[in-house]
Protein backbone atom coordinates (compact mmCIF):
# COMPACT_ATOMS: atom_id res chain seq x y z
CA MET A 1 -1.04 10.71 9.84
CA TYR A 2 2.11 9.13 11.24
CA GLN A 3 5.51 10.16 9.99
CA ILE A 4 8.76 8.22 10.04
CA PHE A 5 11.64 10.66 10.12
CA ASP A 6 14.60 8.30 10.39
CA PHE A 7 14.22 4.94 8.63
CA ALA A 8 17.72 3.93 9.75
CA ARG A 9 16.61 3.85 13.40
CA LEU A 10 13.82 1.35 12.75
CA PRO A 11 14.36 -2.29 13.64
CA THR A 12 14.62 -4.72 10.73
CA ILE A 13 11.20 -4.98 9.12
CA SER A 14 10.38 -7.52 6.43
CA HIS A 15 6.60 -7.16 6.06
CA ILE A 16 4.02 -4.45 6.77
CA ILE A 17 0.28 -5.11 6.91
CA TRP A 18 -1.88 -2.09 6.07
CA ASP A 19 -5.53 -1.30 6.51
CA ILE A 20 -6.43 0.63 3.35
CA ASP A 21 -9.55 2.70 3.99
CA GLY A 22 -8.64 5.77 6.03
CA THR A 23 -5.07 4.64 6.63
CA ILE A 24 -3.39 5.01 3.25
CA THR A 25 -6.40 6.78 1.72
CA ASP A 26 -7.87 10.16 2.55
CA GLU A 27 -11.46 10.98 3.55
CA ASN A 28 -12.48 10.83 -0.14
CA GLY A 29 -11.06 7.33 -0.58
CA GLN A 30 -8.10 8.48 -2.66
CA VAL A 31 -4.68 6.99 -1.98
CA ASN A 32 -2.41 9.57 -0.39
CA GLN A 33 0.39 10.21 -2.89
CA GLU A 34 3.05 10.86 -0.25
CA VAL A 35 2.17 7.65 1.59
CA ALA A 36 2.10 5.67 -1.68
CA ALA A 37 5.56 6.99 -2.60
CA LYS A 38 6.95 5.92 0.79
CA ILE A 39 5.35 2.46 0.51
CA ILE A 40 6.87 2.01 -2.95
CA ARG A 41 10.26 3.20 -1.68
CA LEU A 42 10.07 0.62 1.13
CA GLY A 43 9.12 -2.01 -1.46
CA LEU A 44 12.22 -1.14 -3.45
CA ASN A 45 14.19 -1.92 -0.29
CA GLY A 46 12.71 -5.43 -0.20
CA ILE A 47 9.93 -4.89 2.32
CA TYR A 48 6.72 -6.80 1.57
CA HIS A 49 3.32 -5.16 1.99
CA SER A 50 -0.14 -6.63 2.50
CA PHE A 51 -3.16 -4.35 2.12
CA ILE A 52 -6.60 -5.26 3.44
CA THR A 53 -9.99 -3.55 3.44
CA GLY A 54 -13.66 -4.33 3.74
CA ARG A 55 -14.24 -2.58 0.42
CA ASP A 56 -14.80 -4.54 -2.79
CA ALA A 57 -12.05 -5.40 -5.28
CA GLU A 58 -13.16 -2.80 -7.85
CA TRP A 59 -12.82 -0.05 -5.24
CA VAL A 60 -9.29 -1.21 -4.34
CA ILE A 61 -8.26 -1.35 -7.99
CA GLY A 62 -9.71 2.07 -8.80
CA LYS A 63 -8.72 3.96 -5.64
CA VAL A 64 -5.40 2.34 -4.74
CA ILE A 65 -3.81 0.12 -7.37
CA GLU A 66 -4.44 2.29 -10.45
CA PRO A 67 -3.13 5.50 -8.79
CA MET A 68 -0.07 3.63 -7.48
CA LYS A 69 0.66 2.30 -10.99
CA LYS A 70 1.45 5.89 -12.02
CA PHE A 71 4.62 5.79 -9.97
CA PHE A 72 7.59 4.89 -12.14
CA SER A 73 8.89 2.23 -9.74
CA PHE A 74 5.55 0.47 -9.13
CA SER A 75 6.29 -2.27 -11.67
CA GLN A 76 9.50 -3.09 -9.76
CA VAL A 77 7.70 -3.66 -6.44
CA ILE A 78 4.37 -5.21 -7.47
CA ASP A 79 5.65 -8.68 -6.56
CA ASN A 80 6.19 -7.41 -2.99
CA PHE A 81 2.56 -6.24 -2.69
CA ILE A 82 -0.62 -8.21 -2.08
CA PHE A 83 -4.09 -6.71 -1.89
CA PHE A 84 -7.10 -8.22 -0.10
CA ALA A 85 -10.66 -6.91 -0.47
CA GLU A 86 -13.92 -7.74 1.29
CA VAL A 87 -12.19 -8.25 4.66
CA GLY A 88 -9.66 -10.66 3.21
CA CYS A 89 -12.15 -12.85 1.32
CA VAL A 90 -10.91 -11.69 -2.10
CA MET A 91 -7.27 -11.57 -3.12
CA ILE A 92 -6.53 -9.16 -5.97
CA ASP A 93 -3.87 -10.64 -8.23
């Protein structure tokens, strides 16, 4: 897994596109809590995030969205997030 040690040294970023399966999730398909917290923190700073996977929408909701909802700040950043399932054919609203 990649680590960003000094956010201040990054160039200005406005949008990050993520592959879900195996990138922000572990080998069991569970969203990594540390990664989710960092994504939400970036969302609080105004960075938009798009998430895409070949998995179906129910999998994304159960394995990614529902666990991320447990973070206190998730409701503040949900408008900065967009999720796509089935290789971008299904947008989860």
